[in-house]
Amino acid sequence: MTDYGHPLLFGSFVSSGSARPEEAVALSVVSEHSGLDLVTFQDHPYQPAMLDTWTLMSYVAARTERVHLSANVINLPLRPPAVLARAAATLDRLSGGRVDLGLGAGAFWDAIEAMGGTRLTAGDSVEALAEAIAVIRAIWDTSEKGGVFLAGQHYPIHGAKRGPAPLHEIPIWLGAYKPRMLGLVGTLADGWLPSMGYLPSTSALAEGNARIDDAAAAAGRDPHDIRRLLNLRPEDLDVDRLAELALEYGISVFIAPGDHAADIERFGAETMPAVLEIVENDSRTARIGSPTVAVHTATVSIAPPVDHVPDALGVRPTPDTGERLLASSPWQESERPYPPVPDDVVYTDMGRAVAGHLIDVHDHLRKELEQVRDVIRQVTAGLMDAGAARSEINAMTMRQNEWTVGAYCASYCRLVTAHHSLEDRSIFVHLRRSDATLVPTVDRLQAEHIVIHEVLEDVDAALVAFIRDPTGRRGLQHAVDALTDTLLSHLSYEERALVEPLARYGMVPGQV
């Protein structure tokens, strides 16, 4: 079993014939209405029978609201990377952060050369792609001062101005099959995007994963940071087959042929939820501990005692009543570790403020949880449709930002808080370095973040299912009750475990 820790996404590969341009736009809109996460288009700028991909993506972005868009994949030899970087960032900002970037090294060299492109050898095309990635990321990086200077053989840059920065961190996915390209995925890219029809066998997925993982490790990267995507054929759209690809080969983005509206709708209404259910049921067995069975709304163990937080700190965590809405939990609360508390610490005003800030942020999240529950109440009462509910919840803090939890990079729906992102990338790293006794607690908190992410996904999946079948109120309510139990339990645990260490060490080095 291979699990790179990414939530499942589903997309369509829409044909873009220039004879009937309205069809590509209509199929893209159908993809969004069917609950898919991504719409992609092939890119052959030398082919007059096809619409220009970037112009099409821009038009589709204006006709949709939620779905992400990507070329599958961009023909780099005919699209200069510095210009492409600005185009991608511009469309990302205009679309509300919905652009992803699939890149290819190039093919059909006669046609490329006929359009004025430069014919490259296989080795040179890989080198050019590596240079292009560096150019694109440098143009996007507005945190650096001055212009971009890169002495490349294929794409030299001599002082190009930076920006605009994209609205979200645009992932770069590479269409790759041969060893050098797979190595490039591991060293530089954010995802691998092959097509099943071009692979000699399913085992090539495992071989490709291994090459990517080895290259990533050699470059000092975590292989889990690299998403695995797959373009499917019609014969691949069996539910059990897709679940196997997810569980055994780590595929987390399934892109289905999108030439017919009925096929897209069936993929969204039947295939997607069935695959999600199989994979979710399988992954739950790997969650923290074994399920805890409790009596409905009974009090569960919420150790440690209240005096785990010293009175001298002057900050009191929000108490956990121990009441739960559901009879099962994805973790054993009684197994949570807590760090030791020293007896002789003198807390500064800054330290107390830092500890209090954690509680303030959590209180905001608790209020948003109430908003989520209220939105769902309106949906089940028929006062709001599920699509509007998804949009409203997506606008909340707990769903606005990408959540990266160690090796768990979740771009799907940007499902967890900027607060969690800050903890995982900065605060937790700082606490681990400051005090070895905090490591078990911090590890546990990060593991719980992953569980919360999965529960948030369940809410979104339940909303999608409700769009298709408004009689499924029970599943939607169950998902929101599970979110309530897990989030409130986790927030309380985090406060009781961390307010004291944060008061001692701060959130960043030197803060207190």
Protein backbone atom coordinates (compact mmCIF):
# COMPACT_ATOMS: atom_id res chain seq x y z
CA MET A 1 0.00 0.00 0.00
CA THR A 2 1.33 3.45 -0.99
CA ASP A 3 -0.06 6.54 0.69
CA TYR A 4 1.44 9.94 -0.04
CA GLY A 5 -1.07 11.61 2.24
CA HIS A 6 -3.03 13.64 -0.32
CA PRO A 7 -6.82 13.83 -0.42
CA LEU A 8 -8.50 12.48 -3.53
CA LEU A 9 -9.41 14.87 -6.35
CA PHE A 10 -11.40 14.17 -9.48
CA GLY A 11 -11.19 15.97 -12.78
CA SER A 12 -12.07 15.91 -16.46
CA PHE A 13 -9.95 16.03 -19.62
CA VAL A 14 -12.07 18.14 -21.98
CA SER A 15 -11.50 18.19 -25.74
CA SER A 16 -11.06 21.65 -27.24
CA GLY A 17 -12.03 21.46 -30.88
CA SER A 18 -12.03 24.84 -32.60
CA ALA A 19 -14.96 23.91 -34.90
CA ARG A 20 -17.41 24.00 -31.97
CA PRO A 21 -15.75 26.12 -29.27
CA GLU A 22 -18.89 26.33 -27.15
CA GLU A 23 -18.70 22.59 -26.41
CA ALA A 24 -15.47 22.82 -24.43
CA VAL A 25 -16.91 25.62 -22.32
CA ALA A 26 -20.18 23.77 -21.73
CA LEU A 27 -18.39 20.57 -20.72
CA SER A 28 -16.25 22.56 -18.28
CA VAL A 29 -19.37 24.00 -16.67
CA VAL A 30 -20.87 20.50 -16.46
CA SER A 31 -17.68 19.33 -14.74
CA GLU A 32 -18.08 21.97 -12.06
CA HIS A 33 -21.79 21.28 -11.59
CA SER A 34 -21.00 17.56 -11.27
CA GLY A 35 -18.80 18.24 -8.25
CA LEU A 36 -15.45 17.66 -9.95
CA ASP A 37 -12.40 19.51 -8.66
CA LEU A 38 -10.42 20.06 -11.84
CA VAL A 39 -10.89 20.64 -15.57
CA THR A 40 -7.92 20.12 -17.90
CA PHE A 41 -7.22 20.71 -21.59
CA GLN A 42 -4.51 19.44 -23.92
CA ASP A 43 -2.15 22.03 -25.39
CA HIS A 44 -1.11 21.80 -29.04
CA PRO A 45 -0.51 25.38 -30.23
CA TYR A 46 0.52 24.15 -33.69
CA GLN A 47 -2.86 22.46 -34.25
CA PRO A 48 -5.51 24.74 -35.82
CA ALA A 49 -8.21 22.15 -35.14
CA MET A 50 -7.84 22.94 -31.42
CA LEU A 51 -8.56 26.11 -29.50
CA ASP A 52 -5.65 27.94 -27.92
CA THR A 53 -5.43 26.43 -24.47
CA TRP A 54 -4.59 29.52 -22.48
CA THR A 55 -7.34 31.59 -24.09
CA LEU A 56 -9.80 28.76 -23.45
CA MET A 57 -8.78 28.46 -19.81
CA SER A 58 -9.29 32.19 -19.33
CA TYR A 59 -12.77 32.03 -20.86
CA VAL A 60 -13.72 28.98 -18.79
CA ALA A 61 -12.43 30.65 -15.62
CA ALA A 62 -14.91 33.45 -16.23
CA ARG A 63 -17.77 30.96 -16.68
CA THR A 64 -17.05 28.92 -13.54
CA GLU A 65 -16.69 29.68 -9.84
CA ARG A 66 -15.05 26.80 -8.01
CA VAL A 67 -13.33 24.29 -10.26
CA HIS A 68 -9.55 24.43 -10.80
CA LEU A 69 -8.13 24.66 -14.34
CA SER A 70 -4.94 23.33 -15.88
CA ALA A 71 -3.34 22.49 -19.19
CA ASN A 72 -2.73 18.78 -19.57
CA VAL A 73 0.08 19.62 -20.32
CA ILE A 74 1.51 22.97 -21.52
CA ASN A 75 3.71 22.72 -24.63
CA LEU A 76 6.71 24.50 -23.16
CA PRO A 77 8.76 24.94 -26.36
CA LEU A 78 6.09 27.28 -27.73
CA ARG A 79 5.36 29.14 -24.50
CA PRO A 80 8.31 31.12 -23.07
CA PRO A 81 8.44 30.39 -19.33
CA ALA A 82 8.76 34.00 -18.14
CA VAL A 83 5.64 34.98 -20.11
CA LEU A 84 3.89 31.78 -19.02
CA ALA A 85 4.63 32.60 -15.38
CA ARG A 86 2.94 35.99 -15.67
CA ALA A 87 0.00 34.53 -17.57
CA ALA A 88 -0.53 31.83 -14.94
CA ALA A 89 -0.24 34.26 -12.03
CA THR A 90 -2.61 36.71 -13.72
CA LEU A 91 -5.27 34.10 -14.39
CA ASP A 92 -4.84 32.71 -10.89
CA ARG A 93 -5.52 36.14 -9.41
CA LEU A 94 -8.48 36.77 -11.70
CA SER A 95 -10.01 33.35 -11.01
CA GLY A 96 -9.70 33.44 -7.23
CA GLY A 97 -6.75 31.03 -7.01
CA ARG A 98 -7.96 28.29 -9.36
CA VAL A 99 -5.03 27.76 -11.75
CA ASP A 100 -2.71 24.75 -11.66
CA LEU A 101 0.20 24.30 -14.05
CA GLY A 102 0.84 21.09 -15.95
CA LEU A 103 4.06 21.25 -17.97
CA GLY A 104 5.55 19.07 -20.68
CA ALA A 105 9.03 19.06 -22.17
CA GLY A 106 7.64 18.99 -25.71
CA ALA A 107 6.76 16.50 -28.43
CA PHE A 108 5.88 16.59 -32.14
CA TRP A 109 9.04 18.52 -32.92
CA ASP A 110 8.31 18.96 -36.62
CA ALA A 111 5.12 20.85 -35.75
CA ILE A 112 6.89 22.85 -33.03
CA GLU A 113 9.66 23.82 -35.44
CA ALA A 114 7.09 24.78 -38.09
CA MET A 115 5.62 27.26 -35.58
CA GLY A 116 9.02 28.87 -34.98
CA GLY A 117 10.02 26.80 -31.96
CA THR A 118 13.47 25.33 -31.51
CA ARG A 119 13.94 21.61 -32.02
CA LEU A 120 15.61 20.02 -29.01
CA THR A 121 17.09 16.63 -28.33
CA ALA A 122 15.49 14.53 -25.61
CA GLY A 123 18.26 15.44 -23.17
CA ASP A 124 18.12 19.15 -24.03
CA SER A 125 14.35 19.22 -23.61
CA VAL A 126 14.69 17.94 -20.04
CA GLU A 127 17.35 20.56 -19.28
CA ALA A 128 15.14 23.25 -20.80
CA LEU A 129 12.20 22.15 -18.64
CA ALA A 130 14.33 22.33 -15.49
CA GLU A 131 15.42 25.84 -16.43
CA ALA A 132 11.81 26.82 -17.17
CA ILE A 133 10.65 25.72 -13.73
CA ALA A 134 13.35 27.87 -12.14
CA VAL A 135 12.29 30.86 -14.26
CA ILE A 136 8.60 30.45 -13.47
CA ARG A 137 9.14 30.16 -9.74
CA ALA A 138 11.55 33.09 -9.69
CA ILE A 139 9.03 35.32 -11.49
CA TRP A 140 6.37 34.33 -8.97
CA ASP A 141 8.64 34.95 -5.97
CA THR A 142 7.97 38.57 -5.08
CA SER A 143 9.44 38.11 -1.61
CA GLU A 144 12.91 38.46 -3.15
CA LYS A 145 14.25 41.91 -3.98
CA GLY A 146 15.58 42.94 -7.36
CA GLY A 147 15.17 41.36 -10.76
CA VAL A 148 15.55 37.77 -11.86
CA PHE A 149 18.95 36.73 -13.20
CA LEU A 150 19.33 33.14 -14.38
CA ALA A 151 22.18 32.05 -16.62
CA GLY A 152 20.39 29.22 -18.41
CA GLN A 153 21.40 27.71 -21.72
CA HIS A 154 17.83 27.64 -23.01
CA TYR A 155 16.05 30.35 -21.02
CA PRO A 156 18.59 32.92 -19.79
CA ILE A 157 16.98 35.74 -17.82
CA HIS A 158 18.76 39.08 -17.38
CA GLY A 159 16.98 41.20 -14.79
CA ALA A 160 13.33 40.39 -15.44
CA LYS A 161 11.00 42.09 -12.99
CA ARG A 162 9.25 39.83 -10.51
CA GLY A 163 5.51 39.39 -10.23
CA PRO A 164 2.70 39.35 -10.11
CA ALA A 165 2.59 36.68 -7.44
CA PRO A 166 -0.21 34.15 -7.93
CA LEU A 167 -3.09 34.23 -5.48
CA HIS A 168 -2.37 30.71 -4.29
CA GLU A 169 0.74 28.52 -4.46
CA ILE A 170 0.34 27.18 -7.99
CA PRO A 171 1.51 23.56 -8.16
CA ILE A 172 3.69 22.49 -11.09
CA TRP A 173 2.87 19.02 -12.41
CA LEU A 174 5.03 17.30 -15.02
CA GLY A 175 3.95 14.86 -17.68
CA ALA A 176 6.82 12.35 -17.44
CA TYR A 177 7.65 8.78 -18.39
CA LYS A 178 11.37 8.30 -18.89
CA PRO A 179 13.99 8.12 -16.12
CA ARG A 180 15.43 11.64 -16.49
CA MET A 181 11.99 13.23 -16.53
CA LEU A 182 10.88 11.17 -13.54
CA GLY A 183 14.00 12.32 -11.73
CA LEU A 184 13.06 15.91 -12.54
CA VAL A 185 9.65 15.35 -10.99
CA GLY A 186 11.35 14.21 -7.80
CA THR A 187 13.81 17.08 -7.62
CA LEU A 188 11.74 20.06 -8.79
CA ALA A 189 8.03 19.41 -9.34
CA ASP A 190 4.92 19.29 -7.19
CA GLY A 191 3.24 16.45 -9.02
CA TRP A 192 3.55 13.65 -11.57
CA LEU A 193 0.93 13.62 -14.34
CA PRO A 194 1.18 10.58 -16.63
CA SER A 195 -1.52 9.13 -18.88
CA MET A 196 -2.57 5.53 -18.40
CA GLY A 197 -2.65 5.05 -22.17
CA TYR A 198 1.06 5.85 -22.44
CA LEU A 199 2.17 3.55 -19.64
CA PRO A 200 3.23 0.02 -20.63
CA SER A 201 1.47 -1.46 -17.60
CA THR A 202 0.12 -0.58 -14.18
CA SER A 203 3.42 -1.68 -12.67
CA ALA A 204 4.98 1.35 -14.39
CA LEU A 205 3.21 3.46 -11.77
CA ALA A 206 5.11 1.71 -8.98
CA GLU A 207 8.38 2.01 -10.92
CA GLY A 208 7.75 5.68 -11.61
CA ASN A 209 6.90 6.33 -7.96
CA ALA A 210 10.13 4.67 -6.90
CA ARG A 211 12.25 6.79 -9.26
CA ILE A 212 10.49 9.95 -8.13
CA ASP A 213 10.84 9.04 -4.46
CA ASP A 214 14.55 8.28 -4.84
CA ALA A 215 15.19 11.53 -6.68
CA ALA A 216 13.25 13.51 -4.09
CA ALA A 217 15.16 11.94 -1.21
CA ALA A 218 18.49 12.59 -2.95
CA ALA A 219 17.49 16.24 -3.34
CA GLY A 220 16.55 16.52 0.34
CA ARG A 221 12.82 16.62 -0.40
CA ASP A 222 10.04 14.62 1.18
CA PRO A 223 8.52 12.33 -1.50
CA HIS A 224 5.13 12.85 0.15
CA ASP A 225 5.20 16.47 -1.01
CA ILE A 226 4.80 15.28 -4.60
CA ARG A 227 1.24 14.56 -5.66
CA ARG A 228 0.54 11.65 -8.04
CA LEU A 229 -2.06 12.32 -10.75
CA LEU A 230 -3.32 10.11 -13.57
CA ASN A 231 -5.12 10.65 -16.87
CA LEU A 232 -7.60 7.81 -17.31
CA ARG A 233 -9.02 5.94 -20.29
CA PRO A 234 -12.71 4.98 -20.52
CA GLU A 235 -11.82 1.40 -19.58
CA ASP A 236 -10.17 2.61 -16.36
CA LEU A 237 -13.33 4.09 -14.84
CA ASP A 238 -14.23 1.08 -12.71
CA VAL A 239 -14.76 2.00 -9.06
CA ASP A 240 -12.71 -0.87 -7.64
CA ARG A 241 -9.96 -0.17 -10.16
CA LEU A 242 -9.68 3.48 -9.13
CA ALA A 243 -9.74 2.59 -5.45
CA GLU A 244 -6.88 0.15 -6.09
CA LEU A 245 -4.89 2.84 -7.89
CA ALA A 246 -5.38 5.17 -4.93
CA LEU A 247 -4.58 2.66 -2.21
CA GLU A 248 -1.82 0.66 -3.90
CA TYR A 249 -0.12 3.28 -6.06
CA GLY A 250 -0.80 6.53 -4.24
CA ILE A 251 -2.78 8.15 -7.05
CA SER A 252 -4.74 11.06 -5.59
CA VAL A 253 -6.01 12.88 -8.70
CA PHE A 254 -8.11 10.98 -11.24
CA ILE A 255 -8.73 12.78 -14.53
CA ALA A 256 -11.42 11.16 -16.67
CA PRO A 257 -12.18 11.68 -20.37
CA GLY A 258 -14.59 14.59 -20.64
CA ASP A 259 -15.98 14.51 -24.16
CA HIS A 260 -19.61 13.85 -23.18
CA ALA A 261 -21.73 15.58 -20.55
CA ALA A 262 -23.43 12.34 -19.50
CA ASP A 263 -20.07 10.68 -18.85
CA ILE A 264 -18.90 13.61 -16.75
CA GLU A 265 -22.10 13.62 -14.73
CA ARG A 266 -21.87 9.87 -14.15
CA PHE A 267 -18.24 10.20 -13.06
CA GLY A 268 -19.20 12.87 -10.52
CA ALA A 269 -22.47 11.34 -9.32
CA GLU A 270 -21.53 7.66 -9.14
CA THR A 271 -17.83 6.96 -9.52
CA MET A 272 -16.40 9.75 -7.38
CA PRO A 273 -18.44 9.14 -4.19
CA ALA A 274 -18.01 5.36 -4.47
CA VAL A 275 -14.23 5.64 -4.74
CA LEU A 276 -14.12 8.15 -1.90
CA GLU A 277 -16.11 5.80 0.32
CA ILE A 278 -13.84 2.81 -0.35
CA VAL A 279 -10.65 4.78 0.20
CA GLU A 280 -12.03 6.57 3.25
CA ASN A 281 -13.12 3.33 4.88
CA ASP A 282 -9.71 1.82 4.22
CA SER A 283 -7.78 4.85 5.49
CA ARG A 284 -9.77 5.09 8.71
CA THR A 285 -8.05 1.93 9.90
CA ALA A 286 -4.77 3.83 9.81
CA ARG A 287 -5.96 6.71 11.94
CA ILE A 288 -4.73 7.28 15.46
CA GLY A 289 -5.41 4.33 17.77
CA SER A 290 -8.51 2.21 17.55
CA PRO A 291 -12.02 3.71 17.57
CA THR A 292 -13.32 4.64 20.99
CA VAL A 293 -16.91 3.59 21.58
CA ALA A 294 -18.77 5.86 23.96
CA VAL A 295 -22.35 6.37 25.01
CA HIS A 296 -24.04 9.19 23.11
CA THR A 297 -23.18 12.52 24.79
CA ALA A 298 -21.49 10.67 27.65
CA THR A 299 -18.40 12.17 29.24
CA VAL A 300 -15.14 10.77 27.86
CA SER A 301 -11.71 10.88 29.44
CA ILE A 302 -10.25 14.37 29.14
CA ALA A 303 -7.09 14.07 31.24
CA PRO A 304 -4.93 15.84 32.41
CA PRO A 305 -6.15 17.63 35.54
CA VAL A 306 -6.83 21.36 35.38
CA ASP A 307 -3.61 22.19 37.25
CA HIS A 308 -1.61 21.11 34.19
CA VAL A 309 -1.70 24.85 33.41
CA PRO A 310 -0.16 26.78 36.34
CA ASP A 311 -2.18 29.53 37.98
CA ALA A 312 0.87 31.80 37.61
CA LEU A 313 0.36 31.79 33.88
CA GLY A 314 -2.90 33.70 34.22
CA VAL A 315 -4.35 32.02 31.12
CA ARG A 316 -7.07 29.40 31.28
CA PRO A 317 -7.71 26.97 28.42
CA THR A 318 -11.29 26.55 27.26
CA PRO A 319 -12.63 23.54 29.18
CA ASP A 320 -13.70 20.35 27.42
CA THR A 321 -16.97 19.04 28.81
CA GLY A 322 -16.26 15.61 27.35
CA GLU A 323 -19.69 15.48 25.70
CA ARG A 324 -19.70 14.00 22.21
CA LEU A 325 -22.44 13.93 19.56
CA LEU A 326 -21.39 10.61 18.05
CA ALA A 327 -20.68 7.23 19.59
CA SER A 328 -17.31 6.75 17.91
CA SER A 329 -14.09 8.72 17.59
CA PRO A 330 -11.09 8.46 15.25
CA TRP A 331 -8.68 8.61 18.19
CA GLN A 332 -8.19 7.53 21.80
CA GLU A 333 -8.33 10.73 23.85
CA SER A 334 -6.97 8.97 26.94
CA GLU A 335 -3.73 8.18 25.08
CA ARG A 336 -2.81 11.80 24.41
CA PRO A 337 0.63 12.76 25.76
CA TYR A 338 1.18 15.93 27.77
CA PRO A 339 4.54 17.59 28.41
CA PRO A 340 5.85 18.04 31.94
CA VAL A 341 5.32 21.42 33.58
CA PRO A 342 8.29 22.93 35.49
CA ASP A 343 7.71 24.39 38.95
CA ASP A 344 9.92 27.47 38.90
CA VAL A 345 9.08 29.32 35.70
CA VAL A 346 8.52 33.08 35.80
CA TYR A 347 6.29 34.07 32.89
CA THR A 348 6.71 37.38 31.08
CA ASP A 349 3.86 39.55 29.87
CA MET A 350 4.85 38.64 26.33
CA GLY A 351 4.73 34.94 27.21
CA ARG A 352 1.26 35.28 28.67
CA ALA A 353 0.14 37.17 25.56
CA VAL A 354 1.47 34.45 23.28
CA ALA A 355 -0.37 31.77 25.27
CA GLY A 356 -3.56 33.83 25.23
CA HIS A 357 -3.27 34.30 21.47
CA LEU A 358 -3.63 30.56 20.92
CA ILE A 359 -6.90 30.56 22.84
CA ASP A 360 -8.14 33.64 20.97
CA VAL A 361 -7.52 31.95 17.60
CA HIS A 362 -9.24 28.78 18.78
CA ASP A 363 -12.24 30.77 19.99
CA HIS A 364 -12.56 32.19 16.48
CA LEU A 365 -12.52 28.67 15.05
CA ARG A 366 -15.18 27.59 17.54
CA LYS A 367 -17.39 30.44 16.36
CA GLU A 368 -16.86 29.41 12.76
CA LEU A 369 -17.80 25.87 13.65
CA GLU A 370 -21.10 27.20 14.90
CA GLN A 371 -21.49 29.00 11.58
CA VAL A 372 -20.87 25.73 9.74
CA ARG A 373 -23.52 23.98 11.82
CA ASP A 374 -25.95 26.82 11.18
CA VAL A 375 -25.30 26.66 7.42
CA ILE A 376 -25.99 22.91 7.45
CA ARG A 377 -29.17 23.48 9.43
CA GLN A 378 -30.30 25.88 6.71
CA VAL A 379 -29.42 23.35 3.99
CA THR A 380 -31.35 20.51 5.63
CA ALA A 381 -34.28 22.85 6.23
CA GLY A 382 -34.36 23.82 2.57
CA LEU A 383 -33.41 27.45 3.24
CA MET A 384 -30.06 27.23 1.41
CA ASP A 385 -28.88 24.96 -1.39
CA ALA A 386 -25.81 22.79 -0.88
CA GLY A 387 -23.79 24.57 -3.57
CA ALA A 388 -24.23 27.90 -1.79
CA ALA A 389 -23.32 26.20 1.49
CA ARG A 390 -20.04 24.94 0.03
CA SER A 391 -19.23 28.46 -1.18
CA GLU A 392 -20.01 29.98 2.21
CA ILE A 393 -17.98 27.41 4.12
CA ASN A 394 -15.10 27.79 1.66
CA ALA A 395 -14.97 31.49 2.55
CA MET A 396 -14.41 30.76 6.24
CA THR A 397 -10.99 30.86 7.83
CA MET A 398 -10.91 27.12 8.40
CA ARG A 399 -11.16 26.51 4.65
CA GLN A 400 -9.38 29.42 3.00
CA ASN A 401 -5.79 28.29 3.18
CA GLU A 402 -3.75 25.30 2.12
CA TRP A 403 -2.78 23.09 5.06
CA THR A 404 0.63 21.53 4.94
CA VAL A 405 1.17 19.08 7.79
CA GLY A 406 4.70 17.80 7.61
CA ALA A 407 4.44 15.40 4.68
CA TYR A 408 0.73 16.03 4.19
CA CYS A 409 0.19 18.65 1.50
CA ALA A 410 -3.49 19.29 0.97
CA SER A 411 -4.37 21.52 -1.94
CA TYR A 412 -7.90 20.13 -2.27
CA CYS A 413 -10.35 22.86 -1.25
CA ARG A 414 -7.65 24.46 0.98
CA LEU A 415 -9.33 22.75 3.88
CA VAL A 416 -7.72 23.86 7.09
CA THR A 417 -6.75 27.03 8.85
CA ALA A 418 -3.85 29.35 8.30
CA HIS A 419 -3.39 28.89 12.02
CA HIS A 420 -2.74 25.16 11.57
CA SER A 421 -0.45 25.92 8.64
CA LEU A 422 1.56 28.31 10.81
CA GLU A 423 1.76 25.74 13.58
CA ASP A 424 2.97 22.96 11.32
CA ARG A 425 5.50 25.00 9.39
CA SER A 426 6.89 27.21 12.13
CA ILE A 427 5.56 26.91 15.69
CA PHE A 428 5.84 23.13 15.96
CA VAL A 429 9.34 23.18 14.48
CA HIS A 430 10.36 25.82 17.02
CA LEU A 431 8.87 23.91 19.97
CA ARG A 432 10.58 20.67 18.96
CA ARG A 433 13.93 22.43 18.84
CA SER A 434 13.32 24.23 22.13
CA ASP A 435 12.45 21.23 24.31
CA ALA A 436 12.74 17.51 23.56
CA THR A 437 10.00 16.72 26.08
CA LEU A 438 7.52 18.47 23.77
CA VAL A 439 8.17 16.18 20.80
CA PRO A 440 5.57 13.46 21.62
CA THR A 441 2.88 16.09 22.16
CA VAL A 442 3.72 18.02 19.00
CA ASP A 443 3.80 14.79 16.97
CA ARG A 444 0.38 13.85 18.31
CA LEU A 445 -1.05 17.28 17.51
CA GLN A 446 0.21 17.10 13.93
CA ALA A 447 -1.26 13.62 13.55
CA GLU A 448 -4.60 14.96 14.78
CA HIS A 449 -4.41 17.76 12.22
CA ILE A 450 -4.42 15.08 9.52
CA VAL A 451 -7.49 13.46 11.03
CA ILE A 452 -9.28 16.82 11.17
CA HIS A 453 -8.40 17.39 7.53
CA GLU A 454 -10.04 14.07 6.64
CA VAL A 455 -13.14 14.93 8.64
CA LEU A 456 -13.38 18.28 6.86
CA GLU A 457 -13.20 16.40 3.58
CA ASP A 458 -16.07 14.22 4.76
CA VAL A 459 -18.19 17.36 5.23
CA ASP A 460 -17.40 18.52 1.71
CA ALA A 461 -18.11 15.07 0.26
CA ALA A 462 -21.41 14.98 2.14
CA LEU A 463 -22.37 18.34 0.67
CA VAL A 464 -21.52 17.08 -2.82
CA ALA A 465 -23.61 13.96 -2.20
CA PHE A 466 -26.47 16.12 -0.93
CA ILE A 467 -26.37 18.15 -4.16
CA ARG A 468 -26.99 14.93 -6.07
CA ASP A 469 -29.49 13.44 -3.62
CA PRO A 470 -31.27 15.91 -1.30
CA THR A 471 -32.70 12.99 0.68
CA GLY A 472 -29.26 12.30 2.16
CA ARG A 473 -29.66 14.63 5.12
CA ARG A 474 -28.52 12.00 7.63
CA GLY A 475 -25.10 11.60 6.04
CA LEU A 476 -24.61 15.35 5.95
CA GLN A 477 -25.58 15.77 9.59
CA HIS A 478 -23.32 12.88 10.61
CA ALA A 479 -20.35 14.50 8.86
CA VAL A 480 -20.90 17.82 10.61
CA ASP A 481 -21.36 16.13 13.99
CA ALA A 482 -18.07 14.28 13.45
CA LEU A 483 -16.38 17.59 12.64
CA THR A 484 -17.83 19.11 15.81
CA ASP A 485 -16.60 16.27 18.02
CA THR A 486 -13.09 16.10 16.56
CA LEU A 487 -12.43 19.82 16.24
CA LEU A 488 -13.65 20.80 19.71
CA SER A 489 -11.79 17.88 21.27
CA HIS A 490 -8.58 18.77 19.45
CA LEU A 491 -8.71 22.50 20.18
CA SER A 492 -9.16 21.87 23.89
CA TYR A 493 -6.31 19.34 23.97
CA GLU A 494 -3.99 21.68 22.11
CA GLU A 495 -4.69 24.52 24.51
CA ARG A 496 -4.12 22.42 27.62
CA ALA A 497 -0.96 20.94 26.15
CA LEU A 498 0.62 24.04 24.60
CA VAL A 499 -0.36 27.25 26.38
CA GLU A 500 2.32 26.70 29.02
CA PRO A 501 5.16 25.80 26.60
CA LEU A 502 4.19 28.71 24.36
CA ALA A 503 4.41 31.05 27.33
CA ARG A 504 7.95 29.77 27.99
CA TYR A 505 9.30 29.57 24.44
CA GLY A 506 7.05 31.75 22.30
CA MET A 507 5.78 30.87 18.83
CA VAL A 508 9.05 31.75 17.11
CA PRO A 509 12.66 31.89 18.35
CA GLY A 510 13.37 34.87 20.58
CA GLN A 511 9.73 35.87 20.93
CA VAL A 512 9.66 35.71 24.75
